[in-house]
């Protein structure tokens, strides 16, 4: 069953964040993931959540998504994301 990683990103250093954008895609691909949304226009339809930059990733499974996040392949990009942005991230199983 597919899983989706949903990330709300507030970029705090746009110049530094560019390096993250270069590094992250290859690690996602290694774990069978792909982008389904990446920073396009978003709008709050209900509630109090006002997302900044939304990214949605699809992985073949819940476990594969978690393996990517904690992998050695993603570690350098993850460190850059933590340095240049504030994020909220969830993973949810698909139907």
PDB file of N, CA and C in Angstrom:
ATOM      1  N   UNK A   1       0.836  -1.175   0.000  1.00  0.00           N
ATOM      2  CA  UNK A   1       0.000   0.000   0.000  1.00  0.00           C
ATOM      3  C   UNK A   1       0.885   1.244   0.000  1.00  0.00           C
ATOM      4  N   UNK A   2       0.639   2.161  -0.898  1.00  0.00           N
ATOM      5  CA  UNK A   2       1.433   3.382  -0.984  1.00  0.00           C
ATOM      6  C   UNK A   2       1.301   4.213   0.283  1.00  0.00           C
ATOM      7  N   UNK A   3       2.309   5.049   0.503  1.00  0.00           N
ATOM      8  CA  UNK A   3       2.298   5.984   1.622  1.00  0.00           C
ATOM      9  C   UNK A   3       2.687   7.353   1.091  1.00  0.00           C
ATOM     10  N   UNK A   4       2.180   8.373   1.745  1.00  0.00           N
ATOM     11  CA  UNK A   4       2.423   9.751   1.331  1.00  0.00           C
ATOM     12  C   UNK A   4       3.064  10.530   2.467  1.00  0.00           C
ATOM     13  N   UNK A   5       4.168  11.169   2.157  1.00  0.00           N
ATOM     14  CA  UNK A   5       4.826  12.068   3.105  1.00  0.00           C
ATOM     15  C   UNK A   5       4.389  13.475   2.728  1.00  0.00           C
ATOM     16  N   UNK A   6       3.828  14.181   3.694  1.00  0.00           N
ATOM     17  CA  UNK A   6       3.343  15.540   3.473  1.00  0.00           C
ATOM     18  C   UNK A   6       4.183  16.466   4.339  1.00  0.00           C
ATOM     19  N   UNK A   7       4.785  17.469   3.698  1.00  0.00           N
ATOM     20  CA  UNK A   7       5.704  18.361   4.394  1.00  0.00           C
ATOM     21  C   UNK A   7       5.257  19.803   4.191  1.00  0.00           C
ATOM     22  N   UNK A   8       5.153  20.528   5.290  1.00  0.00           N
ATOM     23  CA  UNK A   8       4.885  21.961   5.262  1.00  0.00           C
ATOM     24  C   UNK A   8       6.205  22.634   5.619  1.00  0.00           C
ATOM     25  N   UNK A   9       6.761  23.390   4.694  1.00  0.00           N
ATOM     26  CA  UNK A   9       8.109  23.939   4.838  1.00  0.00           C
ATOM     27  C   UNK A   9       8.063  25.465   4.870  1.00  0.00           C
ATOM     28  N   UNK A  10       8.701  26.022   5.880  1.00  0.00           N
ATOM     29  CA  UNK A  10       8.915  27.470   5.939  1.00  0.00           C
ATOM     30  C   UNK A  10      10.407  27.697   5.718  1.00  0.00           C
ATOM     31  N   UNK A  11      10.759  28.124   4.541  1.00  0.00           N
ATOM     32  CA  UNK A  11      12.159  28.345   4.197  1.00  0.00           C
ATOM     33  C   UNK A  11      12.635  29.610   4.914  1.00  0.00           C
ATOM     34  N   UNK A  12      13.696  29.478   5.717  1.00  0.00           N
ATOM     35  CA  UNK A  12      14.222  30.617   6.467  1.00  0.00           C
ATOM     36  C   UNK A  12      15.448  31.237   5.800  1.00  0.00           C
ATOM     37  N   UNK A  13      16.084  30.482   4.905  1.00  0.00           N
ATOM     38  CA  UNK A  13      17.247  30.980   4.163  1.00  0.00           C
ATOM     39  C   UNK A  13      17.142  30.466   2.728  1.00  0.00           C
ATOM     40  N   UNK A  14      16.514  31.236   1.842  1.00  0.00           N
ATOM     41  CA  UNK A  14      16.290  30.777   0.467  1.00  0.00           C
ATOM     42  C   UNK A  14      17.571  30.410  -0.282  1.00  0.00           C
ATOM     43  N   UNK A  15      18.643  31.139  -0.085  1.00  0.00           N
ATOM     44  CA  UNK A  15      19.907  30.821  -0.779  1.00  0.00           C
ATOM     45  C   UNK A  15      20.445  29.470  -0.323  1.00  0.00           C
ATOM     46  N   UNK A  16      20.505  29.256   0.979  1.00  0.00           N
ATOM     47  CA  UNK A  16      20.993  27.986   1.507  1.00  0.00           C
ATOM     48  C   UNK A  16      20.097  26.828   1.132  1.00  0.00           C
ATOM     49  N   UNK A  17      18.797  27.053   1.083  1.00  0.00           N
ATOM     50  CA  UNK A  17      17.826  26.005   0.785  1.00  0.00           C
ATOM     51  C   UNK A  17      17.980  25.469  -0.629  1.00  0.00           C
ATOM     52  N   UNK A  18      18.535  26.255  -1.511  1.00  0.00           N
ATOM     53  CA  UNK A  18      18.748  25.802  -2.896  1.00  0.00           C
ATOM     54  C   UNK A  18      19.610  24.545  -2.938  1.00  0.00           C
ATOM     55  N   UNK A  19      20.551  24.421  -2.035  1.00  0.00           N
ATOM     56  CA  UNK A  19      21.409  23.228  -1.990  1.00  0.00           C
ATOM     57  C   UNK A  19      20.589  21.998  -1.586  1.00  0.00           C
ATOM     58  N   UNK A  20      19.667  22.175  -0.656  1.00  0.00           N
ATOM     59  CA  UNK A  20      18.780  21.078  -0.277  1.00  0.00           C
ATOM     60  C   UNK A  20      17.970  20.605  -1.478  1.00  0.00           C
ATOM     61  N   UNK A  21      17.432  21.548  -2.224  1.00  0.00           N
ATOM     62  CA  UNK A  21      16.601  21.230  -3.394  1.00  0.00           C
ATOM     63  C   UNK A  21      17.392  20.416  -4.417  1.00  0.00           C
ATOM     64  N   UNK A  22      18.685  20.641  -4.502  1.00  0.00           N
ATOM     65  CA  UNK A  22      19.530  19.864  -5.417  1.00  0.00           C
ATOM     66  C   UNK A  22      19.770  18.445  -4.914  1.00  0.00           C
ATOM     67  N   UNK A  23      19.926  18.284  -3.600  1.00  0.00           N
ATOM     68  CA  UNK A  23      20.312  16.988  -3.038  1.00  0.00           C
ATOM     69  C   UNK A  23      19.151  16.022  -2.800  1.00  0.00           C
ATOM     70  N   UNK A  24      18.021  16.517  -2.382  1.00  0.00           N
ATOM     71  CA  UNK A  24      16.934  15.642  -1.929  1.00  0.00           C
ATOM     72  C   UNK A  24      16.383  14.687  -2.990  1.00  0.00           C
ATOM     73  N   UNK A  25      16.154  15.123  -4.232  1.00  0.00           N
ATOM     74  CA  UNK A  25      15.476  14.235  -5.189  1.00  0.00           C
ATOM     75  C   UNK A  25      16.132  12.873  -5.412  1.00  0.00           C
ATOM     76  N   UNK A  26      17.440  12.812  -5.463  1.00  0.00           N
ATOM     77  CA  UNK A  26      18.108  11.531  -5.721  1.00  0.00           C
ATOM     78  C   UNK A  26      17.835  10.530  -4.600  1.00  0.00           C
ATOM     79  N   UNK A  27      17.860  10.995  -3.348  1.00  0.00           N
ATOM     80  CA  UNK A  27      17.595  10.076  -2.232  1.00  0.00           C
ATOM     81  C   UNK A  27      16.146   9.587  -2.262  1.00  0.00           C
ATOM     82  N   UNK A  28      15.237  10.434  -2.655  1.00  0.00           N
ATOM     83  CA  UNK A  28      13.827  10.044  -2.756  1.00  0.00           C
ATOM     84  C   UNK A  28      13.673   8.946  -3.804  1.00  0.00           C
ATOM     85  N   UNK A  29      14.333   9.134  -4.937  1.00  0.00           N
ATOM     86  CA  UNK A  29      14.271   8.155  -6.023  1.00  0.00           C
ATOM     87  C   UNK A  29      14.833   6.802  -5.588  1.00  0.00           C
ATOM     88  N   UNK A  30      15.934   6.808  -4.841  1.00  0.00           N
ATOM     89  CA  UNK A  30      16.572   5.571  -4.376  1.00  0.00           C
ATOM     90  C   UNK A  30      15.588   4.718  -3.578  1.00  0.00           C
ATOM     91  N   UNK A  31      14.695   5.358  -2.828  1.00  0.00           N
ATOM     92  CA  UNK A  31      13.748   4.623  -1.991  1.00  0.00           C
ATOM     93  C   UNK A  31      12.392   4.423  -2.664  1.00  0.00           C
ATOM     94  N   UNK A  32      12.364   4.605  -3.972  1.00  0.00           N
ATOM     95  CA  UNK A  32      11.155   4.341  -4.739  1.00  0.00           C
ATOM     96  C   UNK A  32      10.124   5.447  -4.647  1.00  0.00           C
ATOM     97  N   UNK A  33      10.540   6.612  -4.153  1.00  0.00           N
ATOM     98  CA  UNK A  33       9.611   7.715  -3.986  1.00  0.00           C
ATOM     99  C   UNK A  33       9.557   8.627  -5.195  1.00  0.00           C
ATOM    100  N   UNK A  34       8.530   9.457  -5.212  1.00  0.00           N
ATOM    101  CA  UNK A  34       8.404  10.457  -6.262  1.00  0.00           C
ATOM    102  C   UNK A  34       7.615  11.642  -5.717  1.00  0.00           C
ATOM    103  N   UNK A  35       7.864  12.801  -6.299  1.00  0.00           N
ATOM    104  CA  UNK A  35       7.115  14.003  -5.936  1.00  0.00           C
ATOM    105  C   UNK A  35       5.742  13.950  -6.606  1.00  0.00           C
ATOM    106  N   UNK A  36       4.694  14.256  -5.838  1.00  0.00           N
ATOM    107  CA  UNK A  36       3.372  14.453  -6.437  1.00  0.00           C
ATOM    108  C   UNK A  36       2.982  15.929  -6.384  1.00  0.00           C
ATOM    109  N   UNK A  37       3.558  16.665  -5.454  1.00  0.00           N
ATOM    110  CA  UNK A  37       3.405  18.123  -5.381  1.00  0.00           C
ATOM    111  C   UNK A  37       4.695  18.677  -4.787  1.00  0.00           C
ATOM    112  N   UNK A  38       5.110  19.820  -5.310  1.00  0.00           N
ATOM    113  CA  UNK A  38       6.383  20.366  -4.846  1.00  0.00           C
ATOM    114  C   UNK A  38       6.361  21.895  -4.914  1.00  0.00           C
ATOM    115  N   UNK A  39       5.805  22.505  -3.866  1.00  0.00           N
ATOM    116  CA  UNK A  39       5.888  23.950  -3.731  1.00  0.00           C
ATOM    117  C   UNK A  39       4.979  24.768  -4.612  1.00  0.00           C
ATOM    118  N   UNK A  40       3.962  24.165  -5.203  1.00  0.00           N
ATOM    119  CA  UNK A  40       3.047  24.936  -6.031  1.00  0.00           C
ATOM    120  C   UNK A  40       2.084  25.759  -5.183  1.00  0.00           C
ATOM    121  N   UNK A  41       1.197  26.438  -5.843  1.00  0.00           N
ATOM    122  CA  UNK A  41       0.191  27.257  -5.172  1.00  0.00           C
ATOM    123  C   UNK A  41      -0.630  26.395  -4.216  1.00  0.00           C
ATOM    124  N   UNK A  42      -0.887  26.903  -3.014  1.00  0.00           N
ATOM    125  CA  UNK A  42      -1.788  26.225  -2.089  1.00  0.00           C
ATOM    126  C   UNK A  42      -2.693  27.252  -1.428  1.00  0.00           C
ATOM    127  N   UNK A  43      -3.827  26.798  -0.979  1.00  0.00           N
ATOM    128  CA  UNK A  43      -4.819  27.680  -0.361  1.00  0.00           C
ATOM    129  C   UNK A  43      -5.533  26.927   0.751  1.00  0.00           C
ATOM    130  N   UNK A  44      -5.693  27.555   1.884  1.00  0.00           N
ATOM    131  CA  UNK A  44      -6.446  26.970   2.981  1.00  0.00           C
ATOM    132  C   UNK A  44      -7.929  27.032   2.640  1.00  0.00           C
ATOM    133  N   UNK A  45      -8.575  25.886   2.623  1.00  0.00           N
ATOM    134  CA  UNK A  45      -9.999  25.824   2.308  1.00  0.00           C
ATOM    135  C   UNK A  45     -10.856  25.835   3.570  1.00  0.00           C
ATOM    136  N   UNK A  46     -10.339  25.251   4.655  1.00  0.00           N
ATOM    137  CA  UNK A  46     -11.032  25.253   5.942  1.00  0.00           C
ATOM    138  C   UNK A  46      -9.987  25.207   7.043  1.00  0.00           C
ATOM    139  N   UNK A  47     -10.334  25.715   8.199  1.00  0.00           N
ATOM    140  CA  UNK A  47      -9.473  25.603   9.366  1.00  0.00           C
ATOM    141  C   UNK A  47      -8.432  26.699   9.476  1.00  0.00           C
ATOM    142  N   UNK A  48      -7.506  26.479  10.413  1.00  0.00           N
ATOM    143  CA  UNK A  48      -6.510  27.483  10.778  1.00  0.00           C
ATOM    144  C   UNK A  48      -5.133  27.228  10.171  1.00  0.00           C
ATOM    145  N   UNK A  49      -4.969  26.135   9.451  1.00  0.00           N
ATOM    146  CA  UNK A  49      -3.660  25.786   8.904  1.00  0.00           C
ATOM    147  C   UNK A  49      -3.366  26.679   7.706  1.00  0.00           C
ATOM    148  N   UNK A  50      -2.269  27.409   7.777  1.00  0.00           N
ATOM    149  CA  UNK A  50      -1.822  28.246   6.666  1.00  0.00           C
ATOM    150  C   UNK A  50      -0.442  27.758   6.242  1.00  0.00           C
ATOM    151  N   UNK A  51      -0.438  26.811   5.354  1.00  0.00           N
ATOM    152  CA  UNK A  51       0.802  26.179   4.907  1.00  0.00           C
ATOM    153  C   UNK A  51       1.680  27.176   4.165  1.00  0.00           C
ATOM    154  N   UNK A  52       2.971  26.983   4.285  1.00  0.00           N
ATOM    155  CA  UNK A  52       3.937  27.810   3.559  1.00  0.00           C
ATOM    156  C   UNK A  52       4.203  27.136   2.204  1.00  0.00           C
ATOM    157  N   UNK A  53       5.205  26.294   2.151  1.00  0.00           N
ATOM    158  CA  UNK A  53       5.573  25.552   0.940  1.00  0.00           C
ATOM    159  C   UNK A  53       5.218  24.092   1.190  1.00  0.00           C
ATOM    160  N   UNK A  54       4.271  23.549   0.436  1.00  0.00           N
ATOM    161  CA  UNK A  54       3.852  22.160   0.623  1.00  0.00           C
ATOM    162  C   UNK A  54       4.546  21.239  -0.370  1.00  0.00           C
ATOM    163  N   UNK A  55       4.970  20.098   0.157  1.00  0.00           N
ATOM    164  CA  UNK A  55       5.546  19.049  -0.676  1.00  0.00           C
ATOM    165  C   UNK A  55       4.839  17.749  -0.316  1.00  0.00           C
ATOM    166  N   UNK A  56       4.458  16.985  -1.331  1.00  0.00           N
ATOM    167  CA  UNK A  56       3.862  15.672  -1.112  1.00  0.00           C
ATOM    168  C   UNK A  56       4.688  14.656  -1.889  1.00  0.00           C
ATOM    169  N   UNK A  57       5.145  13.649  -1.170  1.00  0.00           N
ATOM    170  CA  UNK A  57       5.941  12.566  -1.754  1.00  0.00           C
ATOM    171  C   UNK A  57       5.141  11.273  -1.667  1.00  0.00           C
ATOM    172  N   UNK A  58       5.245  10.452  -2.686  1.00  0.00           N
ATOM    173  CA  UNK A  58       4.603   9.139  -2.679  1.00  0.00           C
ATOM    174  C   UNK A  58       5.692   8.075  -2.639  1.00  0.00           C
ATOM    175  N   UNK A  59       5.535   7.110  -1.727  1.00  0.00           N
ATOM    176  CA  UNK A  59       6.457   5.983  -1.608  1.00  0.00           C
ATOM    177  C   UNK A  59       5.676   4.680  -1.736  1.00  0.00           C
ATOM    178  N   UNK A  60       6.349   3.588  -2.083  1.00  0.00           N
ATOM    179  CA  UNK A  60       5.655   2.306  -2.250  1.00  0.00           C
ATOM    180  C   UNK A  60       5.022   1.769  -0.965  1.00  0.00           C
ATOM    181  N   UNK A  61       5.525   2.209   0.203  1.00  0.00           N
ATOM    182  CA  UNK A  61       4.978   1.722   1.470  1.00  0.00           C
ATOM    183  C   UNK A  61       5.315   2.704   2.591  1.00  0.00           C
ATOM    184  N   UNK A  62       4.611   2.541   3.690  1.00  0.00           N
ATOM    185  CA  UNK A  62       4.834   3.327   4.900  1.00  0.00           C
ATOM    186  C   UNK A  62       6.274   3.124   5.377  1.00  0.00           C
ATOM    187  N   UNK A  63       6.709   1.861   5.427  1.00  0.00           N
ATOM    188  CA  UNK A  63       8.059   1.549   5.896  1.00  0.00           C
ATOM    189  C   UNK A  63       9.129   2.132   4.981  1.00  0.00           C
ATOM    190  N   UNK A  64       8.880   2.131   3.682  1.00  0.00           N
ATOM    191  CA  UNK A  64       9.844   2.686   2.728  1.00  0.00           C
ATOM    192  C   UNK A  64       9.981   4.195   2.924  1.00  0.00           C
ATOM    193  N   UNK A  65       8.885   4.867   3.205  1.00  0.00           N
ATOM    194  CA  UNK A  65       8.928   6.314   3.466  1.00  0.00           C
ATOM    195  C   UNK A  65       9.768   6.607   4.704  1.00  0.00           C
ATOM    196  N   UNK A  66       9.570   5.842   5.757  1.00  0.00           N
ATOM    197  CA  UNK A  66      10.338   6.047   6.985  1.00  0.00           C
ATOM    198  C   UNK A  66      11.806   5.682   6.789  1.00  0.00           C
ATOM    199  N   UNK A  67      12.055   4.653   5.990  1.00  0.00           N
ATOM    200  CA  UNK A  67      13.448   4.265   5.708  1.00  0.00           C
ATOM    201  C   UNK A  67      14.173   5.386   4.970  1.00  0.00           C
ATOM    202  N   UNK A  68      13.482   6.026   4.011  1.00  0.00           N
ATOM    203  CA  UNK A  68      14.085   7.163   3.301  1.00  0.00           C
ATOM    204  C   UNK A  68      14.448   8.266   4.277  1.00  0.00           C
ATOM    205  N   UNK A  69      13.513   8.665   5.138  1.00  0.00           N
ATOM    206  CA  UNK A  69      13.743   9.776   6.045  1.00  0.00           C
ATOM    207  C   UNK A  69      14.968   9.548   6.927  1.00  0.00           C
ATOM    208  N   UNK A  70      15.162   8.320   7.356  1.00  0.00           N
ATOM    209  CA  UNK A  70      16.243   8.003   8.287  1.00  0.00           C
ATOM    210  C   UNK A  70      17.484   7.419   7.616  1.00  0.00           C
ATOM    211  N   UNK A  71      17.557   7.500   6.305  1.00  0.00           N
ATOM    212  CA  UNK A  71      18.643   6.861   5.562  1.00  0.00           C
ATOM    213  C   UNK A  71      19.926   7.689   5.526  1.00  0.00           C
ATOM    214  N   UNK A  72      21.026   6.991   5.304  1.00  0.00           N
ATOM    215  CA  UNK A  72      22.316   7.650   5.086  1.00  0.00           C
ATOM    216  C   UNK A  72      22.282   8.472   3.801  1.00  0.00           C
ATOM    217  N   UNK A  73      21.525   7.992   2.810  1.00  0.00           N
ATOM    218  CA  UNK A  73      21.445   8.699   1.530  1.00  0.00           C
ATOM    219  C   UNK A  73      20.773  10.069   1.677  1.00  0.00           C
ATOM    220  N   UNK A  74      19.797  10.168   2.568  1.00  0.00           N
ATOM    221  CA  UNK A  74      19.083  11.426   2.753  1.00  0.00           C
ATOM    222  C   UNK A  74      19.719  12.318   3.825  1.00  0.00           C
ATOM    223  N   UNK A  75      20.558  11.760   4.671  1.00  0.00           N
ATOM    224  CA  UNK A  75      21.106  12.492   5.827  1.00  0.00           C
ATOM    225  C   UNK A  75      21.721  13.851   5.474  1.00  0.00           C
ATOM    226  N   UNK A  76      22.552  13.971   4.424  1.00  0.00           N
ATOM    227  CA  UNK A  76      23.121  15.298   4.117  1.00  0.00           C
ATOM    228  C   UNK A  76      22.051  16.323   3.744  1.00  0.00           C
ATOM    229  N   UNK A  77      21.066  15.911   2.949  1.00  0.00           N
ATOM    230  CA  UNK A  77      19.986  16.823   2.572  1.00  0.00           C
ATOM    231  C   UNK A  77      19.137  17.168   3.793  1.00  0.00           C
ATOM    232  N   UNK A  78      18.865  16.194   4.620  1.00  0.00           N
ATOM    233  CA  UNK A  78      18.051  16.427   5.826  1.00  0.00           C
ATOM    234  C   UNK A  78      18.715  17.464   6.730  1.00  0.00           C
ATOM    235  N   UNK A  79      20.017  17.369   6.884  1.00  0.00           N
ATOM    236  CA  UNK A  79      20.750  18.346   7.706  1.00  0.00           C
ATOM    237  C   UNK A  79      20.593  19.756   7.127  1.00  0.00           C
ATOM    238  N   UNK A  80      20.653  19.867   5.806  1.00  0.00           N
ATOM    239  CA  UNK A  80      20.468  21.175   5.168  1.00  0.00           C
ATOM    240  C   UNK A  80      19.045  21.695   5.374  1.00  0.00           C
ATOM    241  N   UNK A  81      18.058  20.805   5.267  1.00  0.00           N
ATOM    242  CA  UNK A  81      16.668  21.213   5.488  1.00  0.00           C
ATOM    243  C   UNK A  81      16.497  21.749   6.902  1.00  0.00           C
ATOM    244  N   UNK A  82      17.080  21.070   7.871  1.00  0.00           N
ATOM    245  CA  UNK A  82      16.978  21.529   9.261  1.00  0.00           C
ATOM    246  C   UNK A  82      17.698  22.863   9.469  1.00  0.00           C
ATOM    247  N   UNK A  83      18.742  23.095   8.708  1.00  0.00           N
ATOM    248  CA  UNK A  83      19.515  24.332   8.849  1.00  0.00           C
ATOM    249  C   UNK A  83      18.811  25.529   8.202  1.00  0.00           C
ATOM    250  N   UNK A  84      18.173  25.311   7.047  1.00  0.00           N
ATOM    251  CA  UNK A  84      17.654  26.414   6.243  1.00  0.00           C
ATOM    252  C   UNK A  84      16.134  26.534   6.210  1.00  0.00           C
ATOM    253  N   UNK A  85      15.433  25.683   6.986  1.00  0.00           N
ATOM    254  CA  UNK A  85      13.972  25.723   6.966  1.00  0.00           C
ATOM    255  C   UNK A  85      13.409  25.157   8.261  1.00  0.00           C
ATOM    256  N   UNK A  86      12.170  25.512   8.528  1.00  0.00           N
ATOM    257  CA  UNK A  86      11.388  24.907   9.611  1.00  0.00           C
ATOM    258  C   UNK A  86      10.343  24.037   8.929  1.00  0.00           C
ATOM    259  N   UNK A  87      10.175  22.815   9.426  1.00  0.00           N
ATOM    260  CA  UNK A  87       9.251  21.908   8.748  1.00  0.00           C
ATOM    261  C   UNK A  87       8.339  21.179   9.717  1.00  0.00           C
ATOM    262  N   UNK A  88       7.175  20.838   9.215  1.00  0.00           N
ATOM    263  CA  UNK A  88       6.268  19.876   9.833  1.00  0.00           C
ATOM    264  C   UNK A  88       6.090  18.782   8.797  1.00  0.00           C
ATOM    265  N   UNK A  89       6.153  17.518   9.234  1.00  0.00           N
ATOM    266  CA  UNK A  89       6.115  16.404   8.302  1.00  0.00           C
ATOM    267  C   UNK A  89       5.281  15.270   8.890  1.00  0.00           C
ATOM    268  N   UNK A  90       4.438  14.682   8.055  1.00  0.00           N
ATOM    269  CA  UNK A  90       3.664  13.506   8.442  1.00  0.00           C
ATOM    270  C   UNK A  90       3.762  12.470   7.329  1.00  0.00           C
ATOM    271  N   UNK A  91       3.510  11.227   7.685  1.00  0.00           N
ATOM    272  CA  UNK A  91       3.383  10.178   6.688  1.00  0.00           C
ATOM    273  C   UNK A  91       2.019   9.529   6.914  1.00  0.00           C
ATOM    274  N   UNK A  92       1.326   9.232   5.819  1.00  0.00           N
ATOM    275  CA  UNK A  92      -0.001   8.629   5.902  1.00  0.00           C
ATOM    276  C   UNK A  92      -0.091   7.516   4.860  1.00  0.00           C
ATOM    277  N   UNK A  93      -0.725   6.411   5.282  1.00  0.00           N
ATOM    278  CA  UNK A  93      -0.939   5.307   4.364  1.00  0.00           C
ATOM    279  C   UNK A  93      -2.025   5.657   3.366  1.00  0.00           C
ATOM    280  N   UNK A  94      -1.800   5.247   2.128  1.00  0.00           N
ATOM    281  CA  UNK A  94      -2.807   5.466   1.095  1.00  0.00           C
ATOM    282  C   UNK A  94      -3.927   4.453   1.161  1.00  0.00           C
ATOM    283  N   UNK A  95      -4.889   4.593   0.262  1.00  0.00           N
ATOM    284  CA  UNK A  95      -6.008   3.656   0.247  1.00  0.00           C
ATOM    285  C   UNK A  95      -5.863   2.667  -0.886  1.00  0.00           C
TER     286      UNK A  95
END
